[in-house]
Amino acid sequence: MAYTVGYNDEKYFLRAFRKSVGMTPTAYRSKQTKMNAAAASASYALPQPSGSRWRARSMPRNLG
């Protein structure tokens, strides 16, 4: 990954990444994988409009 983002020295990339993010790239990847898996398995319901301010809009009439 270091070479992909433009670092020629893998050890320097590791130090810079750890300083910037606060964890190693391996730990970061593990954390992101767990977060993505949790988000994918959770069922999210879209909020339904409520109140008198919401009205279904009709399609415009064909004036041609």
PDB file of N, CA and C in Angstrom:
ATOM      1  N   MET A   1       0.826  -1.184   0.000  1.00  0.00           N
ATOM      2  CA  MET A   1       0.000   0.000   0.000  1.00  0.00           C
ATOM      3  C   MET A   1       0.871   1.249   0.000  1.00  0.00           C
ATOM      4  N   ALA A   2       2.015   1.196   0.641  1.00  0.00           N
ATOM      5  CA  ALA A   2       2.889   2.367   0.725  1.00  0.00           C
ATOM      6  C   ALA A   2       3.267   2.866  -0.666  1.00  0.00           C
ATOM      7  N   TYR A   3       3.606   1.931  -1.547  1.00  0.00           N
ATOM      8  CA  TYR A   3       4.027   2.322  -2.893  1.00  0.00           C
ATOM      9  C   TYR A   3       2.848   2.877  -3.704  1.00  0.00           C
ATOM     10  N   THR A   4       1.667   2.366  -3.441  1.00  0.00           N
ATOM     11  CA  THR A   4       0.477   2.810  -4.157  1.00  0.00           C
ATOM     12  C   THR A   4       0.170   4.272  -3.892  1.00  0.00           C
ATOM     13  N   VAL A   5       0.393   4.723  -2.662  1.00  0.00           N
ATOM     14  CA  VAL A   5       0.080   6.106  -2.315  1.00  0.00           C
ATOM     15  C   VAL A   5       1.277   7.038  -2.450  1.00  0.00           C
ATOM     16  N   GLY A   6       2.391   6.521  -2.958  1.00  0.00           N
ATOM     17  CA  GLY A   6       3.511   7.389  -3.284  1.00  0.00           C
ATOM     18  C   GLY A   6       4.697   7.359  -2.335  1.00  0.00           C
ATOM     19  N   TYR A   7       4.704   6.477  -1.342  1.00  0.00           N
ATOM     20  CA  TYR A   7       5.849   6.351  -0.439  1.00  0.00           C
ATOM     21  C   TYR A   7       6.800   5.300  -0.979  1.00  0.00           C
ATOM     22  N   ASN A   8       8.092   5.629  -1.036  1.00  0.00           N
ATOM     23  CA  ASN A   8       9.089   4.675  -1.503  1.00  0.00           C
ATOM     24  C   ASN A   8       9.607   3.797  -0.365  1.00  0.00           C
ATOM     25  N   ASP A   9       9.465   4.250   0.863  1.00  0.00           N
ATOM     26  CA  ASP A   9       9.969   3.520   2.023  1.00  0.00           C
ATOM     27  C   ASP A   9       8.779   3.049   2.863  1.00  0.00           C
ATOM     28  N   GLU A  10       8.610   1.746   2.958  1.00  0.00           N
ATOM     29  CA  GLU A  10       7.478   1.176   3.677  1.00  0.00           C
ATOM     30  C   GLU A  10       7.511   1.511   5.169  1.00  0.00           C
ATOM     31  N   LYS A  11       8.692   1.516   5.761  1.00  0.00           N
ATOM     32  CA  LYS A  11       8.814   1.828   7.186  1.00  0.00           C
ATOM     33  C   LYS A  11       8.442   3.290   7.462  1.00  0.00           C
ATOM     34  N   TYR A  12       8.834   4.184   6.571  1.00  0.00           N
ATOM     35  CA  TYR A  12       8.480   5.588   6.740  1.00  0.00           C
ATOM     36  C   TYR A  12       6.963   5.769   6.623  1.00  0.00           C
ATOM     37  N   PHE A  13       6.363   5.062   5.672  1.00  0.00           N
ATOM     38  CA  PHE A  13       4.908   5.117   5.520  1.00  0.00           C
ATOM     39  C   PHE A  13       4.213   4.632   6.789  1.00  0.00           C
ATOM     40  N   LEU A  14       4.712   3.534   7.365  1.00  0.00           N
ATOM     41  CA  LEU A  14       4.120   2.993   8.579  1.00  0.00           C
ATOM     42  C   LEU A  14       4.180   4.014   9.709  1.00  0.00           C
ATOM     43  N   ARG A  15       5.336   4.660   9.863  1.00  0.00           N
ATOM     44  CA  ARG A  15       5.466   5.680  10.913  1.00  0.00           C
ATOM     45  C   ARG A  15       4.537   6.863  10.659  1.00  0.00           C
ATOM     46  N   ALA A  16       4.478   7.321   9.420  1.00  0.00           N
ATOM     47  CA  ALA A  16       3.628   8.466   9.076  1.00  0.00           C
ATOM     48  C   ALA A  16       2.152   8.117   9.265  1.00  0.00           C
ATOM     49  N   PHE A  17       1.749   6.921   8.864  1.00  0.00           N
ATOM     50  CA  PHE A  17       0.364   6.483   9.006  1.00  0.00           C
ATOM     51  C   PHE A  17      -0.009   6.396  10.476  1.00  0.00           C
ATOM     52  N   ARG A  18       0.864   5.784  11.265  1.00  0.00           N
ATOM     53  CA  ARG A  18       0.580   5.634  12.693  1.00  0.00           C
ATOM     54  C   ARG A  18       0.479   6.995  13.381  1.00  0.00           C
ATOM     55  N   LYS A  19       1.346   7.918  12.999  1.00  0.00           N
ATOM     56  CA  LYS A  19       1.311   9.250  13.592  1.00  0.00           C
ATOM     57  C   LYS A  19       0.029   9.993  13.199  1.00  0.00           C
ATOM     58  N   SER A  20      -0.387   9.844  11.959  1.00  0.00           N
ATOM     59  CA  SER A  20      -1.555  10.551  11.447  1.00  0.00           C
ATOM     60  C   SER A  20      -2.868   9.958  11.960  1.00  0.00           C
ATOM     61  N   VAL A  21      -2.980   8.626  11.925  1.00  0.00           N
ATOM     62  CA  VAL A  21      -4.249   7.962  12.222  1.00  0.00           C
ATOM     63  C   VAL A  21      -4.310   7.462  13.673  1.00  0.00           C
ATOM     64  N   GLY A  22      -3.157   7.167  14.237  1.00  0.00           N
ATOM     65  CA  GLY A  22      -3.124   6.698  15.622  1.00  0.00           C
ATOM     66  C   GLY A  22      -3.127   5.192  15.763  1.00  0.00           C
ATOM     67  N   MET A  23      -3.011   4.474  14.648  1.00  0.00           N
ATOM     68  CA  MET A  23      -2.942   3.016  14.682  1.00  0.00           C
ATOM     69  C   MET A  23      -2.240   2.529  13.418  1.00  0.00           C
ATOM     70  N   THR A  24      -1.842   1.276  13.427  1.00  0.00           N
ATOM     71  CA  THR A  24      -1.158   0.715  12.263  1.00  0.00           C
ATOM     72  C   THR A  24      -2.161   0.509  11.124  1.00  0.00           C
ATOM     73  N   PRO A  25      -1.679   0.407   9.894  1.00  0.00           N
ATOM     74  CA  PRO A  25      -2.594   0.145   8.782  1.00  0.00           C
ATOM     75  C   PRO A  25      -3.378  -1.156   8.964  1.00  0.00           C
ATOM     76  N   THR A  26      -2.758  -2.180   9.542  1.00  0.00           N
ATOM     77  CA  THR A  26      -3.442  -3.451   9.769  1.00  0.00           C
ATOM     78  C   THR A  26      -4.584  -3.278  10.763  1.00  0.00           C
ATOM     79  N   ALA A  27      -4.334  -2.553  11.851  1.00  0.00           N
ATOM     80  CA  ALA A  27      -5.384  -2.306  12.843  1.00  0.00           C
ATOM     81  C   ALA A  27      -6.491  -1.454  12.245  1.00  0.00           C
ATOM     82  N   TYR A  28      -6.119  -0.469  11.437  1.00  0.00           N
ATOM     83  CA  TYR A  28      -7.107   0.395  10.785  1.00  0.00           C
ATOM     84  C   TYR A  28      -7.994  -0.428   9.849  1.00  0.00           C
ATOM     85  N   ARG A  29      -7.395  -1.290   9.047  1.00  0.00           N
ATOM     86  CA  ARG A  29      -8.153  -2.121   8.118  1.00  0.00           C
ATOM     87  C   ARG A  29      -9.107  -3.037   8.882  1.00  0.00           C
ATOM     88  N   SER A  30      -8.635  -3.616   9.971  1.00  0.00           N
ATOM     89  CA  SER A  30      -9.469  -4.502  10.778  1.00  0.00           C
ATOM     90  C   SER A  30     -10.663  -3.747  11.349  1.00  0.00           C
ATOM     91  N   LYS A  31     -10.414  -2.553  11.859  1.00  0.00           N
ATOM     92  CA  LYS A  31     -11.491  -1.741  12.428  1.00  0.00           C
ATOM     93  C   LYS A  31     -12.510  -1.364  11.361  1.00  0.00           C
ATOM     94  N   GLN A  32     -12.042  -0.955  10.185  1.00  0.00           N
ATOM     95  CA  GLN A  32     -12.942  -0.567   9.097  1.00  0.00           C
ATOM     96  C   GLN A  32     -13.762  -1.756   8.609  1.00  0.00           C
ATOM     97  N   THR A  33     -13.144  -2.935   8.533  1.00  0.00           N
ATOM     98  CA  THR A  33     -13.848  -4.133   8.095  1.00  0.00           C
ATOM     99  C   THR A  33     -14.973  -4.469   9.057  1.00  0.00           C
ATOM    100  N   LYS A  34     -14.690  -4.381  10.364  1.00  0.00           N
ATOM    101  CA  LYS A  34     -15.718  -4.659  11.369  1.00  0.00           C
ATOM    102  C   LYS A  34     -16.849  -3.639  11.291  1.00  0.00           C
ATOM    103  N   MET A  35     -16.507  -2.365  11.109  1.00  0.00           N
ATOM    104  CA  MET A  35     -17.527  -1.322  11.029  1.00  0.00           C
ATOM    105  C   MET A  35     -18.396  -1.504   9.792  1.00  0.00           C
ATOM    106  N   ASN A  36     -17.775  -1.841   8.659  1.00  0.00           N
ATOM    107  CA  ASN A  36     -18.532  -2.038   7.421  1.00  0.00           C
ATOM    108  C   ASN A  36     -19.440  -3.253   7.520  1.00  0.00           C
ATOM    109  N   ALA A  37     -18.964  -4.321   8.168  1.00  0.00           N
ATOM    110  CA  ALA A  37     -19.781  -5.520   8.323  1.00  0.00           C
ATOM    111  C   ALA A  37     -20.977  -5.229   9.220  1.00  0.00           C
ATOM    112  N   ALA A  38     -20.756  -4.465  10.282  1.00  0.00           N
ATOM    113  CA  ALA A  38     -21.858  -4.129  11.184  1.00  0.00           C
ATOM    114  C   ALA A  38     -22.892  -3.260  10.477  1.00  0.00           C
ATOM    115  N   ALA A  39     -22.431  -2.316   9.668  1.00  0.00           N
ATOM    116  CA  ALA A  39     -23.352  -1.435   8.949  1.00  0.00           C
ATOM    117  C   ALA A  39     -24.134  -2.206   7.899  1.00  0.00           C
ATOM    118  N   ALA A  40     -23.491  -3.169   7.260  1.00  0.00           N
ATOM    119  CA  ALA A  40     -24.164  -3.940   6.220  1.00  0.00           C
ATOM    120  C   ALA A  40     -25.212  -4.883   6.808  1.00  0.00           C
ATOM    121  N   SER A  41     -24.962  -5.383   8.016  1.00  0.00           N
ATOM    122  CA  SER A  41     -25.902  -6.330   8.598  1.00  0.00           C
ATOM    123  C   SER A  41     -27.059  -5.641   9.314  1.00  0.00           C
ATOM    124  N   ALA A  42     -26.894  -4.375   9.637  1.00  0.00           N
ATOM    125  CA  ALA A  42     -27.970  -3.650  10.320  1.00  0.00           C
ATOM    126  C   ALA A  42     -29.064  -3.324   9.314  1.00  0.00           C
ATOM    127  N   SER A  43     -30.280  -3.412   9.756  1.00  0.00           N
ATOM    128  CA  SER A  43     -31.372  -3.057   8.845  1.00  0.00           C
ATOM    129  C   SER A  43     -31.797  -1.626   9.136  1.00  0.00           C
ATOM    130  N   TYR A  44     -31.709  -0.831   8.124  1.00  0.00           N
ATOM    131  CA  TYR A  44     -32.068   0.572   8.259  1.00  0.00           C
ATOM    132  C   TYR A  44     -33.387   0.807   7.546  1.00  0.00           C
ATOM    133  N   ALA A  45     -34.307   1.436   8.239  1.00  0.00           N
ATOM    134  CA  ALA A  45     -35.592   1.786   7.631  1.00  0.00           C
ATOM    135  C   ALA A  45     -35.540   3.262   7.251  1.00  0.00           C
ATOM    136  N   LEU A  46     -35.989   3.569   6.080  1.00  0.00           N
ATOM    137  CA  LEU A  46     -36.029   4.960   5.667  1.00  0.00           C
ATOM    138  C   LEU A  46     -37.107   5.678   6.446  1.00  0.00           C
ATOM    139  N   PRO A  47     -36.833   6.885   6.889  1.00  0.00           N
ATOM    140  CA  PRO A  47     -37.857   7.617   7.634  1.00  0.00           C
ATOM    141  C   PRO A  47     -39.048   7.926   6.731  1.00  0.00           C
ATOM    142  N   GLN A  48     -40.218   7.781   7.288  1.00  0.00           N
ATOM    143  CA  GLN A  48     -41.431   8.054   6.538  1.00  0.00           C
ATOM    144  C   GLN A  48     -41.861   9.494   6.787  1.00  0.00           C
ATOM    145  N   PRO A  49     -42.294  10.182   5.762  1.00  0.00           N
ATOM    146  CA  PRO A  49     -42.741  11.556   5.955  1.00  0.00           C
ATOM    147  C   PRO A  49     -43.989  11.585   6.831  1.00  0.00           C
ATOM    148  N   SER A  50     -44.052  12.594   7.663  1.00  0.00           N
ATOM    149  CA  SER A  50     -45.210  12.708   8.534  1.00  0.00           C
ATOM    150  C   SER A  50     -45.587  14.175   8.674  1.00  0.00           C
ATOM    151  N   GLY A  51     -46.761  14.398   9.197  1.00  0.00           N
ATOM    152  CA  GLY A  51     -47.211  15.764   9.409  1.00  0.00           C
ATOM    153  C   GLY A  51     -47.981  16.294   8.220  1.00  0.00           C
ATOM    154  N   SER A  52     -48.558  17.460   8.406  1.00  0.00           N
ATOM    155  CA  SER A  52     -49.407  18.036   7.368  1.00  0.00           C
ATOM    156  C   SER A  52     -48.595  18.713   6.265  1.00  0.00           C
ATOM    157  N   ARG A  53     -47.301  18.908   6.477  1.00  0.00           N
ATOM    158  CA  ARG A  53     -46.499  19.606   5.473  1.00  0.00           C
ATOM    159  C   ARG A  53     -46.157  18.726   4.285  1.00  0.00           C
ATOM    160  N   TRP A  54     -46.268  17.403   4.448  1.00  0.00           N
ATOM    161  CA  TRP A  54     -45.917  16.504   3.359  1.00  0.00           C
ATOM    162  C   TRP A  54     -47.150  16.136   2.572  1.00  0.00           C
ATOM    163  N   ARG A  55     -47.061  16.306   1.250  1.00  0.00           N
ATOM    164  CA  ARG A  55     -48.136  15.897   0.360  1.00  0.00           C
ATOM    165  C   ARG A  55     -47.518  15.226  -0.851  1.00  0.00           C
ATOM    166  N   ALA A  56     -48.199  14.238  -1.332  1.00  0.00           N
ATOM    167  CA  ALA A  56     -47.737  13.588  -2.552  1.00  0.00           C
ATOM    168  C   ALA A  56     -47.900  14.565  -3.705  1.00  0.00           C
ATOM    169  N   ARG A  57     -46.889  14.665  -4.510  1.00  0.00           N
ATOM    170  CA  ARG A  57     -46.964  15.581  -5.661  1.00  0.00           C
ATOM    171  C   ARG A  57     -47.382  14.797  -6.894  1.00  0.00           C
ATOM    172  N   SER A  58     -48.287  15.359  -7.616  1.00  0.00           N
ATOM    173  CA  SER A  58     -48.730  14.684  -8.840  1.00  0.00           C
ATOM    174  C   SER A  58     -47.796  15.044  -9.978  1.00  0.00           C
ATOM    175  N   MET A  59     -47.828  14.201 -10.977  1.00  0.00           N
ATOM    176  CA  MET A  59     -47.004  14.430 -12.143  1.00  0.00           C
ATOM    177  C   MET A  59     -47.618  15.581 -12.952  1.00  0.00           C
ATOM    178  N   PRO A  60     -46.787  16.405 -13.574  1.00  0.00           N
ATOM    179  CA  PRO A  60     -47.344  17.500 -14.378  1.00  0.00           C
ATOM    180  C   PRO A  60     -48.143  16.965 -15.558  1.00  0.00           C
ATOM    181  N   ARG A  61     -49.184  17.674 -15.921  1.00  0.00           N
ATOM    182  CA  ARG A  61     -50.012  17.247 -17.039  1.00  0.00           C
ATOM    183  C   ARG A  61     -49.276  17.499 -18.343  1.00  0.00           C
ATOM    184  N   ASN A  62     -49.539  16.638 -19.278  1.00  0.00           N
ATOM    185  CA  ASN A  62     -48.975  16.809 -20.610  1.00  0.00           C
ATOM    186  C   ASN A  62     -49.790  17.878 -21.329  1.00  0.00           C
ATOM    187  N   LEU A  63     -49.154  19.016 -21.572  1.00  0.00           N
ATOM    188  CA  LEU A  63     -49.869  20.122 -22.202  1.00  0.00           C
ATOM    189  C   LEU A  63     -49.721  20.132 -23.720  1.00  0.00           C
ATOM    190  N   GLY A  64     -49.107  19.102 -24.268  1.00  0.00           N
ATOM    191  CA  GLY A  64     -48.840  19.089 -25.701  1.00  0.00           C
ATOM    192  C   GLY A  64     -49.860  18.472 -26.508  1.00  0.00           C
TER     193      GLY A  64
END
